[in-house]
Amino acid sequence: MYADERFPADPYPGAVPPTSFVHVDRTGFPLVAGQVGGQPIDRWLTARGTPPTSDRMAVLAYGSNRNPSKISWLREFLGLGREPVVVLRVRTHGLAAVWAHGLRTRDGARPAVLAAAPGVEEQHAVWLATPEQVAVLDVCEGASREGDGRYRLARLRTGDVRTDEGTLLPEVRAYVGATPIRRPLLVDGAVVRCVAGCRTVARRGARAVGRSQVLVNGDSRCSGCRRPQLRPSSTPRS
């Protein structure tokens, strides 16, 4: 089991379990070969009164949202609820998490944004989220109707996302930068990948050099998401 205490949220983006997992009551349970504790995931979910995986939306988590302690924070402060959160470990191709231009107001951490990265492969996660869970993520990322719009939820049109077993996930959405503070940070004219281990860039007070264009192609028309305030995405995206 993956107790929250083993996976602190600080420093950003937080520690991550080594497998896919389902998160309930401050604990992650390994999800391996489609099973949780020897039970098929859909049977495990429906036994708890929650939708099966086929009725959930795939949302790429490339920053702190894959951290178990962050999931508990969402439950405590943003009303995520007690329903299981399904988190798949995935590999992305042609995409990269890079440091954002601006800092988080909550704690001064520099968050990640998504960028196109031809030829790059990274390990991230995908939430298989219910509509109610997507609504909470919208609030967290400033993408709700009342939010500040720093991120928007869009369908990925750049790169691909595969599970650890190599299964291609279709129709994956991601929160992509939509304001200047959530454009990629440029250092000497280049984005800085989060996996590069450059903690100086991540810390408060690091120099942000310039603004970047949006770098990931996408489509903001997300069925099941109550997002009428979102404008259509531009051709380049995150």
Protein backbone atom coordinates (compact mmCIF):
# COMPACT_ATOMS: atom_id res chain seq x y z
CA MET A 1 0.00 0.00 0.00
CA TYR A 2 1.05 3.59 -0.62
CA ALA A 3 0.23 5.62 2.48
CA ASP A 4 0.28 9.39 1.99
CA GLU A 5 3.04 9.71 4.59
CA ARG A 6 5.41 7.85 2.27
CA PHE A 7 4.71 10.27 -0.58
CA PRO A 8 4.98 13.89 0.61
CA ALA A 9 3.78 16.69 -1.64
CA ASP A 10 6.83 18.86 -0.95
CA PRO A 11 9.05 19.67 -2.68
CA TYR A 12 6.91 20.10 -5.79
CA PRO A 13 5.79 18.03 -7.64
CA GLY A 14 5.88 15.47 -4.82
CA ALA A 15 6.79 11.80 -4.58
CA VAL A 16 4.99 9.29 -6.80
CA PRO A 17 4.26 5.55 -6.30
CA PRO A 18 6.15 3.12 -8.55
CA THR A 19 2.97 1.62 -10.07
CA SER A 20 -0.52 2.62 -11.10
CA PHE A 21 -2.81 2.94 -8.08
CA VAL A 22 -6.25 3.75 -6.77
CA HIS A 23 -6.43 6.27 -3.94
CA VAL A 24 -8.91 6.02 -1.06
CA ASP A 25 -8.77 7.33 2.53
CA ARG A 26 -5.22 8.71 2.38
CA THR A 27 -3.92 5.44 0.94
CA GLY A 28 -3.01 4.25 -2.53
CA PHE A 29 -3.59 0.62 -3.48
CA PRO A 30 -1.45 -0.81 -6.30
CA LEU A 31 -3.23 -1.28 -9.61
CA VAL A 32 -1.25 -3.95 -11.44
CA ALA A 33 -2.25 -5.80 -14.61
CA GLY A 34 -5.71 -4.28 -14.37
CA GLN A 35 -6.34 -5.58 -10.87
CA VAL A 36 -6.52 -4.17 -7.35
CA GLY A 37 -5.86 -6.74 -4.65
CA GLY A 38 -6.55 -9.55 -7.10
CA GLN A 39 -9.87 -8.06 -8.25
CA PRO A 40 -10.45 -6.57 -11.73
CA ILE A 41 -10.46 -2.79 -11.49
CA ASP A 42 -13.97 -2.31 -12.90
CA ARG A 43 -15.42 -4.85 -10.47
CA TRP A 44 -13.49 -3.17 -7.64
CA LEU A 45 -14.90 0.23 -8.60
CA THR A 46 -18.50 -0.84 -9.11
CA ALA A 47 -18.46 -2.69 -5.79
CA ARG A 48 -17.81 0.72 -4.22
CA GLY A 49 -20.62 2.40 -6.11
CA THR A 50 -18.41 4.37 -8.50
CA PRO A 51 -18.27 4.38 -12.32
CA PRO A 52 -16.12 1.83 -14.19
CA THR A 53 -13.10 2.93 -16.16
CA SER A 54 -15.10 3.12 -19.41
CA ASP A 55 -17.23 5.92 -17.94
CA ARG A 56 -14.26 8.04 -16.88
CA MET A 57 -12.22 10.72 -18.63
CA ALA A 58 -8.47 10.26 -19.15
CA VAL A 59 -6.68 13.37 -17.83
CA LEU A 60 -2.88 13.58 -18.02
CA ALA A 61 -1.25 14.40 -14.67
CA TYR A 62 2.28 15.67 -15.32
CA GLY A 63 2.77 17.76 -12.15
CA SER A 64 1.61 17.36 -8.57
CA ASN A 65 -1.80 15.79 -9.27
CA ARG A 66 -0.24 12.31 -9.38
CA ASN A 67 1.02 12.69 -5.81
CA PRO A 68 -1.08 10.83 -3.17
CA SER A 69 -0.74 13.62 -0.59
CA LYS A 70 -1.96 16.15 -3.18
CA ILE A 71 -4.99 13.97 -3.84
CA SER A 72 -5.81 14.04 -0.11
CA TRP A 73 -5.35 17.83 -0.17
CA LEU A 74 -7.89 18.02 -2.98
CA ARG A 75 -10.29 15.99 -0.85
CA GLU A 76 -9.79 18.13 2.24
CA PHE A 77 -9.76 21.61 0.72
CA LEU A 78 -11.52 21.42 -2.65
CA GLY A 79 -14.25 18.86 -1.99
CA LEU A 80 -12.93 16.01 -4.12
CA GLY A 81 -15.01 13.56 -2.11
CA ARG A 82 -14.27 10.07 -0.84
CA GLU A 83 -14.70 8.21 -4.13
CA PRO A 84 -11.65 6.31 -5.43
CA VAL A 85 -9.23 8.18 -7.67
CA VAL A 86 -7.76 5.97 -10.41
CA VAL A 87 -4.20 6.92 -11.37
CA LEU A 88 -2.46 5.07 -14.21
CA ARG A 89 1.29 5.24 -14.67
CA VAL A 90 1.98 6.13 -18.31
CA ARG A 91 4.70 7.01 -20.78
CA THR A 92 4.28 10.07 -22.96
CA HIS A 93 5.92 10.42 -26.36
CA GLY A 94 6.48 13.79 -27.99
CA LEU A 95 5.51 15.69 -24.83
CA ALA A 96 7.43 17.06 -21.86
CA ALA A 97 6.69 18.65 -18.50
CA VAL A 98 8.62 21.93 -18.34
CA TRP A 99 8.87 24.66 -15.72
CA ALA A 100 6.31 27.46 -15.93
CA HIS A 101 7.16 31.15 -16.18
CA GLY A 102 5.29 32.08 -12.98
CA LEU A 103 5.06 30.72 -9.44
CA ARG A 104 2.13 29.25 -7.53
CA THR A 105 0.47 31.79 -5.25
CA ARG A 106 -0.33 29.12 -2.65
CA ASP A 107 3.24 28.24 -1.75
CA GLY A 108 5.65 29.95 -4.15
CA ALA A 109 6.55 26.74 -5.97
CA ARG A 110 7.18 26.86 -9.69
CA PRO A 111 4.68 24.48 -11.33
CA ALA A 112 4.92 22.47 -14.51
CA VAL A 113 3.30 23.12 -17.86
CA LEU A 114 3.10 20.85 -20.87
CA ALA A 115 5.20 21.39 -24.00
CA ALA A 116 5.63 19.62 -27.31
CA ALA A 117 8.94 17.76 -27.35
CA PRO A 118 9.55 15.71 -30.51
CA GLY A 119 11.45 12.51 -29.78
CA VAL A 120 11.16 12.89 -26.00
CA GLU A 121 9.69 10.16 -23.79
CA GLU A 122 8.71 10.82 -20.16
CA GLN A 123 6.91 9.02 -17.36
CA HIS A 124 3.77 10.66 -16.03
CA ALA A 125 0.30 9.59 -14.91
CA VAL A 126 -3.29 9.69 -16.11
CA TRP A 127 -6.32 10.15 -13.90
CA LEU A 128 -9.33 8.12 -15.02
CA ALA A 129 -11.64 10.75 -13.61
CA THR A 130 -15.38 10.96 -13.08
CA PRO A 131 -17.15 14.17 -14.18
CA GLU A 132 -17.27 15.24 -10.52
CA GLN A 133 -13.52 14.70 -10.15
CA VAL A 134 -12.84 16.66 -13.35
CA ALA A 135 -14.88 19.54 -11.92
CA VAL A 136 -12.63 19.59 -8.84
CA LEU A 137 -9.50 19.50 -10.99
CA ASP A 138 -10.92 22.44 -12.94
CA VAL A 139 -11.17 24.43 -9.72
CA CYS A 140 -7.65 23.45 -8.66
CA GLU A 141 -6.14 24.49 -12.00
CA GLY A 142 -8.06 27.74 -12.36
CA ALA A 143 -10.06 26.29 -15.26
CA SER A 144 -13.53 26.48 -13.72
CA ARG A 145 -16.04 29.15 -14.70
CA GLU A 146 -15.04 31.17 -11.63
CA GLY A 147 -11.30 30.49 -12.04
CA ASP A 148 -8.48 32.75 -13.17
CA GLY A 149 -7.93 30.82 -16.41
CA ARG A 150 -4.27 30.04 -15.80
CA TYR A 151 -4.82 26.53 -17.21
CA ARG A 152 -7.46 25.18 -19.55
CA LEU A 153 -8.47 21.58 -20.16
CA ALA A 154 -7.90 20.46 -23.75
CA ARG A 155 -7.78 17.29 -25.78
CA LEU A 156 -4.22 16.37 -26.72
CA ARG A 157 -3.41 16.52 -30.42
CA THR A 158 0.36 16.33 -29.97
CA GLY A 159 2.29 13.19 -29.03
CA ASP A 160 0.77 10.06 -27.55
CA VAL A 161 0.19 8.50 -24.14
CA ARG A 162 0.63 4.79 -23.38
CA THR A 163 0.21 2.67 -20.26
CA ASP A 164 3.10 0.74 -18.75
CA GLU A 165 1.81 -2.25 -20.74
CA GLY A 166 2.08 -0.28 -23.98
CA THR A 167 -1.64 0.33 -24.54
CA LEU A 168 -2.31 3.57 -26.42
CA LEU A 169 -4.80 5.75 -24.55
CA PRO A 170 -7.15 7.64 -26.89
CA GLU A 171 -8.88 10.91 -26.15
CA VAL A 172 -6.50 12.04 -23.40
CA ARG A 173 -7.03 15.54 -22.00
CA ALA A 174 -4.51 17.71 -20.19
CA TYR A 175 -4.42 21.03 -18.36
CA VAL A 176 -2.30 23.35 -20.48
CA GLY A 177 -1.02 26.83 -19.78
CA ALA A 178 -3.43 29.58 -20.84
CA THR A 179 -2.00 32.78 -19.33
CA PRO A 180 1.47 34.39 -19.43
CA ILE A 181 2.41 33.03 -15.99
CA ARG A 182 1.65 29.51 -17.24
CA ARG A 183 3.66 29.73 -20.41
CA PRO A 184 6.90 27.73 -20.37
CA LEU A 185 9.88 29.40 -18.71
CA LEU A 186 12.67 30.20 -21.15
CA VAL A 187 16.30 30.10 -20.02
CA ASP A 188 18.75 31.17 -22.71
CA GLY A 189 15.91 30.82 -25.18
CA ALA A 190 15.03 27.22 -24.32
CA VAL A 191 12.41 25.55 -22.15
CA VAL A 192 13.64 23.69 -19.06
CA ARG A 193 12.35 20.16 -18.59
CA CYS A 194 11.29 19.26 -15.06
CA VAL A 195 13.12 15.93 -15.23
CA ALA A 196 16.38 17.80 -15.78
CA GLY A 197 16.68 18.09 -12.00
CA CYS A 198 17.24 21.84 -12.08
CA ARG A 199 15.97 22.66 -8.58
CA THR A 200 17.37 26.19 -8.81
CA VAL A 201 14.87 26.94 -11.54
CA ALA A 202 12.06 25.36 -9.53
CA ARG A 203 12.68 27.36 -6.35
CA ARG A 204 11.20 30.73 -5.49
CA GLY A 205 13.32 33.59 -6.78
CA ALA A 206 14.73 31.85 -9.84
CA ARG A 207 15.07 34.15 -12.82
CA ALA A 208 12.32 33.83 -15.38
CA VAL A 209 13.65 34.76 -18.79
CA GLY A 210 11.11 35.82 -21.37
CA ARG A 211 7.70 34.53 -22.34
CA SER A 212 7.08 31.50 -24.47
CA GLN A 213 4.43 30.68 -27.03
CA VAL A 214 1.98 27.88 -26.34
CA LEU A 215 3.61 24.70 -27.55
CA VAL A 216 1.11 21.83 -27.63
CA ASN A 217 -1.60 21.40 -30.24
CA GLY A 218 -4.99 20.69 -28.75
CA ASP A 219 -8.74 21.03 -28.82
CA SER A 220 -10.55 22.57 -25.88
CA ARG A 221 -13.91 20.98 -26.73
CA CYS A 222 -14.16 18.48 -23.87
CA SER A 223 -17.42 16.54 -23.71
CA GLY A 224 -18.57 16.05 -20.15
CA CYS A 225 -16.71 19.12 -18.92
CA ARG A 226 -18.75 22.15 -18.01
CA ARG A 227 -16.43 24.69 -19.61
CA PRO A 228 -18.47 27.14 -21.73
CA GLN A 229 -16.13 29.97 -20.77
CA LEU A 230 -13.16 28.43 -22.59
CA ARG A 231 -12.17 29.87 -25.92
CA PRO A 232 -11.09 27.52 -28.73
CA SER A 233 -7.44 26.63 -28.46
CA SER A 234 -4.93 28.20 -30.80
CA THR A 235 -3.09 25.88 -33.16
CA PRO A 236 0.03 25.73 -30.98
CA ARG A 237 -0.76 24.59 -27.47
CA SER A 238 1.00 24.35 -24.07
